Amino acid sequence: QVQLVESGGSSVQAGDSLKISCKASGSIMGRNAMAWYRQVPGKQRELLAVITGESNTGYEDSVKGRFTISRDNVKNTVDLQMDNLKPEDTGIYYCNRAYYRGDVWGQGTQVTVSS
């Protein structure tokens, strides 16, 4: 069964840190590149961070230096450590395969950053 379960979202203050997690089924994760995405109302889902099966990482410019993506290939989890959060980081965060354009997504986890 295809499954993605995101968790750990919260309401925080600007400058705070937060770690969110994703549990993926083995059929999705395996050794595939995985990513975290963010969606805000009225905008398309945006790719923020990518991690390959060998744990090489890449980041969108707005989060580079503040967010860190990691994975555990045994537990099939992908985490996103977010530091120095800003109000513009507010949104629903999703994980999935990197550069995925299909329709199978988890429920996401809400992150709200107040100034």
N, C-alpha and C. Protein backbone atom coordinates (compact mmCIF):
# COMPACT_ATOMS: atom_id res chain seq x y z
N GLN A 1 0.85 -1.19 0.00
CA GLN A 1 0.00 0.00 0.00
C GLN A 1 0.88 1.24 0.00
N VAL A 2 0.59 2.12 -0.93
CA VAL A 2 1.33 3.36 -1.01
C VAL A 2 0.93 4.26 0.14
N GLN A 3 1.91 4.77 0.87
CA GLN A 3 1.58 5.58 2.03
C GLN A 3 2.66 6.60 2.34
N LEU A 4 2.22 7.79 2.64
CA LEU A 4 3.08 8.86 3.10
C LEU A 4 2.39 9.52 4.29
N VAL A 5 3.07 9.59 5.41
CA VAL A 5 2.50 10.20 6.60
C VAL A 5 3.47 11.23 7.15
N GLU A 6 3.06 12.49 7.04
CA GLU A 6 3.87 13.60 7.56
C GLU A 6 3.41 13.96 8.97
N SER A 7 4.34 14.40 9.81
CA SER A 7 3.99 14.77 11.18
C SER A 7 4.98 15.79 11.73
N GLY A 8 4.59 16.40 12.85
CA GLY A 8 5.50 17.29 13.55
C GLY A 8 5.25 18.77 13.34
N GLY A 9 4.31 19.12 12.47
CA GLY A 9 4.02 20.53 12.24
C GLY A 9 3.47 21.20 13.49
N SER A 10 3.67 22.51 13.56
CA SER A 10 3.24 23.24 14.75
C SER A 10 3.18 24.73 14.44
N SER A 11 2.68 25.48 15.39
CA SER A 11 2.71 26.95 15.33
C SER A 11 3.88 27.43 16.18
N VAL A 12 4.77 28.21 15.57
CA VAL A 12 5.97 28.67 16.26
C VAL A 12 6.17 30.15 16.00
N GLN A 13 7.14 30.72 16.67
CA GLN A 13 7.51 32.11 16.49
C GLN A 13 8.68 32.22 15.51
N ALA A 14 8.77 33.36 14.86
CA ALA A 14 9.92 33.61 13.98
C ALA A 14 11.21 33.43 14.76
N GLY A 15 12.18 32.76 14.13
CA GLY A 15 13.45 32.49 14.78
C GLY A 15 13.51 31.13 15.47
N ASP A 16 12.37 30.51 15.66
CA ASP A 16 12.32 29.19 16.31
C ASP A 16 12.81 28.10 15.37
N SER A 17 13.00 26.92 15.93
CA SER A 17 13.36 25.73 15.17
C SER A 17 12.25 24.70 15.29
N LEU A 18 12.14 23.84 14.29
CA LEU A 18 11.12 22.80 14.27
C LEU A 18 11.62 21.66 13.39
N LYS A 19 11.32 20.44 13.80
CA LYS A 19 11.68 19.27 12.99
C LYS A 19 10.40 18.54 12.61
N ILE A 20 10.21 18.32 11.32
CA ILE A 20 9.08 17.56 10.84
C ILE A 20 9.57 16.26 10.24
N SER A 21 8.68 15.26 10.23
CA SER A 21 9.07 13.92 9.81
C SER A 21 8.08 13.34 8.83
N CYS A 22 8.55 12.41 8.05
CA CYS A 22 7.71 11.72 7.07
C CYS A 22 8.02 10.23 7.15
N LYS A 23 6.97 9.45 7.26
CA LYS A 23 7.10 7.99 7.19
C LYS A 23 6.56 7.57 5.83
N ALA A 24 7.41 6.94 5.03
CA ALA A 24 7.03 6.54 3.68
C ALA A 24 7.02 5.02 3.57
N SER A 25 6.15 4.51 2.74
CA SER A 25 6.16 3.08 2.49
C SER A 25 7.42 2.72 1.69
N GLY A 26 7.83 1.49 1.82
CA GLY A 26 9.05 1.07 1.13
C GLY A 26 8.95 1.18 -0.37
N SER A 27 7.73 1.04 -0.90
CA SER A 27 7.56 1.12 -2.36
C SER A 27 7.81 2.53 -2.88
N ILE A 28 7.64 3.51 -2.03
CA ILE A 28 7.89 4.89 -2.44
C ILE A 28 9.35 5.25 -2.20
N MET A 29 9.84 4.93 -1.03
CA MET A 29 11.17 5.43 -0.66
C MET A 29 12.28 4.57 -1.24
N GLY A 30 12.41 3.35 -0.80
CA GLY A 30 13.49 2.50 -1.29
C GLY A 30 14.79 3.28 -1.27
N ARG A 31 15.46 3.32 -2.41
CA ARG A 31 16.68 4.10 -2.57
C ARG A 31 16.44 5.31 -3.48
N ASN A 32 15.16 5.68 -3.64
CA ASN A 32 14.81 6.82 -4.48
C ASN A 32 15.19 8.13 -3.82
N ALA A 33 15.45 9.13 -4.65
CA ALA A 33 15.59 10.48 -4.12
C ALA A 33 14.25 10.92 -3.56
N MET A 34 14.28 11.53 -2.38
CA MET A 34 13.08 12.02 -1.72
C MET A 34 13.19 13.53 -1.53
N ALA A 35 12.05 14.14 -1.27
CA ALA A 35 12.04 15.60 -1.15
C ALA A 35 10.97 16.06 -0.18
N TRP A 36 11.15 17.25 0.32
CA TRP A 36 10.11 17.97 1.06
C TRP A 36 9.61 19.11 0.17
N TYR A 37 8.29 19.30 0.21
CA TYR A 37 7.62 20.33 -0.56
C TYR A 37 6.79 21.19 0.41
N ARG A 38 6.46 22.40 -0.05
CA ARG A 38 5.59 23.28 0.74
C ARG A 38 4.52 23.85 -0.18
N GLN A 39 3.31 23.91 0.35
CA GLN A 39 2.21 24.52 -0.40
C GLN A 39 1.53 25.58 0.45
N VAL A 40 1.30 26.72 -0.17
CA VAL A 40 0.53 27.79 0.47
C VAL A 40 -0.68 28.07 -0.39
N PRO A 41 -1.75 28.60 0.21
CA PRO A 41 -2.99 28.83 -0.56
C PRO A 41 -2.76 29.69 -1.79
N GLY A 42 -3.31 29.25 -2.91
CA GLY A 42 -3.21 30.03 -4.13
C GLY A 42 -1.94 29.84 -4.90
N LYS A 43 -1.04 29.00 -4.41
CA LYS A 43 0.24 28.78 -5.10
C LYS A 43 0.47 27.30 -5.33
N GLN A 44 1.30 27.00 -6.31
CA GLN A 44 1.65 25.61 -6.57
C GLN A 44 2.57 25.08 -5.48
N ARG A 45 2.52 23.78 -5.33
CA ARG A 45 3.42 23.12 -4.39
C ARG A 45 4.86 23.37 -4.81
N GLU A 46 5.71 23.74 -3.87
CA GLU A 46 7.09 24.15 -4.14
C GLU A 46 8.06 23.14 -3.54
N LEU A 47 9.04 22.71 -4.34
CA LEU A 47 10.04 21.80 -3.84
C LEU A 47 11.08 22.59 -3.05
N LEU A 48 11.37 22.14 -1.82
CA LEU A 48 12.28 22.86 -0.95
C LEU A 48 13.63 22.17 -0.78
N ALA A 49 13.62 20.85 -0.63
CA ALA A 49 14.85 20.15 -0.30
C ALA A 49 14.77 18.73 -0.87
N VAL A 50 15.91 18.27 -1.38
CA VAL A 50 16.01 16.95 -1.99
C VAL A 50 17.13 16.18 -1.33
N ILE A 51 16.93 14.87 -1.17
CA ILE A 51 17.99 14.00 -0.67
C ILE A 51 18.01 12.74 -1.51
N THR A 52 19.18 12.39 -2.03
CA THR A 52 19.30 11.18 -2.86
C THR A 52 19.37 9.94 -1.98
N GLY A 53 19.35 8.79 -2.62
CA GLY A 53 19.48 7.54 -1.88
C GLY A 53 20.81 7.43 -1.14
N GLU A 54 21.80 8.16 -1.63
CA GLU A 54 23.13 8.16 -0.99
C GLU A 54 23.30 9.33 -0.03
N SER A 55 22.17 10.04 0.23
CA SER A 55 22.12 11.16 1.17
C SER A 55 22.85 12.41 0.70
N ASN A 56 23.01 12.58 -0.61
CA ASN A 56 23.42 13.88 -1.14
C ASN A 56 22.20 14.79 -1.11
N THR A 57 22.41 16.06 -0.80
CA THR A 57 21.28 16.97 -0.58
C THR A 57 21.36 18.20 -1.46
N GLY A 58 20.21 18.82 -1.67
CA GLY A 58 20.11 20.07 -2.40
C GLY A 58 18.94 20.86 -1.86
N TYR A 59 19.02 22.20 -1.93
CA TYR A 59 18.02 23.05 -1.32
C TYR A 59 17.63 24.21 -2.22
N GLU A 60 16.38 24.59 -2.11
CA GLU A 60 15.91 25.79 -2.78
C GLU A 60 16.55 26.98 -2.06
N ASP A 61 16.82 28.05 -2.81
CA ASP A 61 17.60 29.16 -2.26
C ASP A 61 17.02 29.75 -0.97
N SER A 62 15.70 29.85 -0.88
CA SER A 62 15.11 30.52 0.27
C SER A 62 15.29 29.76 1.58
N VAL A 63 15.61 28.47 1.51
CA VAL A 63 15.78 27.69 2.73
C VAL A 63 17.21 27.22 2.93
N LYS A 64 18.06 27.47 1.97
CA LYS A 64 19.45 27.03 2.06
C LYS A 64 20.12 27.66 3.27
N GLY A 65 20.79 26.84 4.06
CA GLY A 65 21.45 27.33 5.27
C GLY A 65 20.56 27.33 6.50
N ARG A 66 19.26 27.13 6.30
CA ARG A 66 18.33 27.11 7.44
C ARG A 66 17.66 25.75 7.61
N PHE A 67 17.43 25.04 6.51
CA PHE A 67 16.77 23.74 6.56
C PHE A 67 17.78 22.64 6.27
N THR A 68 17.58 21.49 6.92
CA THR A 68 18.42 20.32 6.69
C THR A 68 17.55 19.09 6.51
N ILE A 69 17.70 18.43 5.37
CA ILE A 69 16.94 17.21 5.10
C ILE A 69 17.82 16.00 5.42
N SER A 70 17.19 14.97 5.95
CA SER A 70 17.91 13.73 6.27
C SER A 70 16.98 12.55 6.05
N ARG A 71 17.56 11.36 5.98
CA ARG A 71 16.75 10.17 5.76
C ARG A 71 17.32 8.99 6.53
N ASP A 72 16.44 8.05 6.83
CA ASP A 72 16.82 6.79 7.44
C ASP A 72 16.25 5.70 6.54
N ASN A 73 17.13 5.03 5.81
CA ASN A 73 16.69 4.04 4.83
C ASN A 73 16.21 2.73 5.47
N VAL A 74 16.50 2.54 6.72
CA VAL A 74 16.00 1.35 7.43
C VAL A 74 14.57 1.60 7.92
N LYS A 75 14.36 2.77 8.49
CA LYS A 75 13.04 3.12 9.02
C LYS A 75 12.12 3.69 7.95
N ASN A 76 12.65 3.98 6.75
CA ASN A 76 11.88 4.62 5.68
C ASN A 76 11.29 5.95 6.13
N THR A 77 12.13 6.77 6.75
CA THR A 77 11.70 8.09 7.18
C THR A 77 12.57 9.17 6.54
N VAL A 78 11.97 10.31 6.36
CA VAL A 78 12.66 11.49 5.85
C VAL A 78 12.32 12.65 6.78
N ASP A 79 13.31 13.31 7.32
CA ASP A 79 13.10 14.41 8.24
C ASP A 79 13.52 15.74 7.62
N LEU A 80 12.94 16.80 8.15
CA LEU A 80 13.35 18.15 7.75
C LEU A 80 13.54 18.97 9.02
N GLN A 81 14.78 19.31 9.31
CA GLN A 81 15.09 20.20 10.43
C GLN A 81 15.06 21.63 9.92
N MET A 82 14.23 22.46 10.54
CA MET A 82 14.04 23.83 10.09
C MET A 82 14.49 24.77 11.21
N ASP A 83 15.48 25.58 10.93
CA ASP A 83 16.02 26.54 11.91
C ASP A 83 15.76 27.96 11.43
N ASN A 84 15.78 28.89 12.39
CA ASN A 84 15.58 30.30 12.07
C ASN A 84 14.36 30.48 11.16
N LEU A 85 13.26 29.93 11.60
CA LEU A 85 12.04 29.99 10.79
C LEU A 85 11.55 31.42 10.60
N LYS A 86 10.95 31.66 9.44
CA LYS A 86 10.44 32.97 9.08
C LYS A 86 8.95 32.86 8.77
N PRO A 87 8.21 33.96 8.88
CA PRO A 87 6.77 33.90 8.58
C PRO A 87 6.49 33.36 7.17
N GLU A 88 7.36 33.63 6.23
CA GLU A 88 7.13 33.13 4.87
C GLU A 88 7.36 31.63 4.73
N ASP A 89 7.80 30.96 5.78
CA ASP A 89 7.91 29.51 5.78
C ASP A 89 6.57 28.85 6.10
N THR A 90 5.58 29.63 6.43
CA THR A 90 4.25 29.10 6.74
C THR A 90 3.66 28.36 5.55
N GLY A 91 3.09 27.21 5.82
CA GLY A 91 2.46 26.43 4.76
C GLY A 91 2.24 24.99 5.20
N ILE A 92 1.71 24.21 4.29
CA ILE A 92 1.56 22.77 4.53
C ILE A 92 2.75 22.07 3.89
N TYR A 93 3.42 21.25 4.65
CA TYR A 93 4.62 20.56 4.20
C TYR A 93 4.31 19.11 3.86
N TYR A 94 4.81 18.69 2.71
CA TYR A 94 4.60 17.33 2.22
C TYR A 94 5.95 16.71 1.87
N CYS A 95 6.01 15.40 1.98
CA CYS A 95 7.17 14.69 1.45
C CYS A 95 6.71 13.76 0.33
N ASN A 96 7.61 13.44 -0.54
CA ASN A 96 7.34 12.52 -1.64
C ASN A 96 8.65 12.27 -2.38
N ARG A 97 8.58 11.45 -3.42
CA ARG A 97 9.75 11.30 -4.26
C ARG A 97 10.13 12.68 -4.81
N ALA A 98 11.39 12.87 -5.06
CA ALA A 98 11.86 14.13 -5.62
C ALA A 98 11.30 14.34 -7.02
N TYR A 99 10.86 15.57 -7.30
CA TYR A 99 10.35 15.97 -8.63
C TYR A 99 9.11 15.17 -9.03
N TYR A 100 8.36 14.71 -8.06
CA TYR A 100 7.15 13.93 -8.30
C TYR A 100 6.03 14.82 -8.83
N ARG A 101 5.33 14.35 -9.85
CA ARG A 101 4.25 15.14 -10.44
C ARG A 101 2.94 14.37 -10.47
N GLY A 102 2.84 13.29 -9.68
CA GLY A 102 1.63 12.50 -9.67
C GLY A 102 0.62 13.00 -8.66
N ASP A 103 -0.36 12.15 -8.39
CA ASP A 103 -1.49 12.54 -7.55
C ASP A 103 -1.49 11.89 -6.17
N VAL A 104 -0.49 11.08 -5.87
CA VAL A 104 -0.49 10.38 -4.59
C VAL A 104 0.36 11.16 -3.59
N TRP A 105 -0.33 11.77 -2.64
CA TRP A 105 0.32 12.58 -1.62
C TRP A 105 -0.25 12.23 -0.25
N GLY A 106 0.52 12.50 0.78
CA GLY A 106 0.02 12.35 2.13
C GLY A 106 -0.86 13.53 2.51
N GLN A 107 -1.23 13.59 3.78
CA GLN A 107 -2.11 14.67 4.24
C GLN A 107 -1.34 15.95 4.53
N GLY A 108 -0.02 15.86 4.61
CA GLY A 108 0.80 17.02 4.91
C GLY A 108 0.79 17.36 6.39
N THR A 109 1.65 18.27 6.76
CA THR A 109 1.70 18.76 8.14
C THR A 109 1.82 20.28 8.12
N GLN A 110 0.99 20.95 8.89
CA GLN A 110 0.90 22.41 8.87
C GLN A 110 1.99 23.04 9.74
N VAL A 111 2.72 23.97 9.15
CA VAL A 111 3.69 24.77 9.88
C VAL A 111 3.25 26.23 9.78
N THR A 112 3.09 26.86 10.93
CA THR A 112 2.70 28.26 10.97
C THR A 112 3.74 29.03 11.76
N VAL A 113 4.30 30.08 11.14
CA VAL A 113 5.34 30.88 11.78
C VAL A 113 4.81 32.30 11.97
N SER A 114 4.75 32.73 13.19
CA SER A 114 4.26 34.07 13.52
C SER A 114 5.42 35.02 13.76
N SER A 115 5.21 36.25 13.35
CA SER A 115 6.27 37.27 13.53
C SER A 115 6.23 37.88 14.91
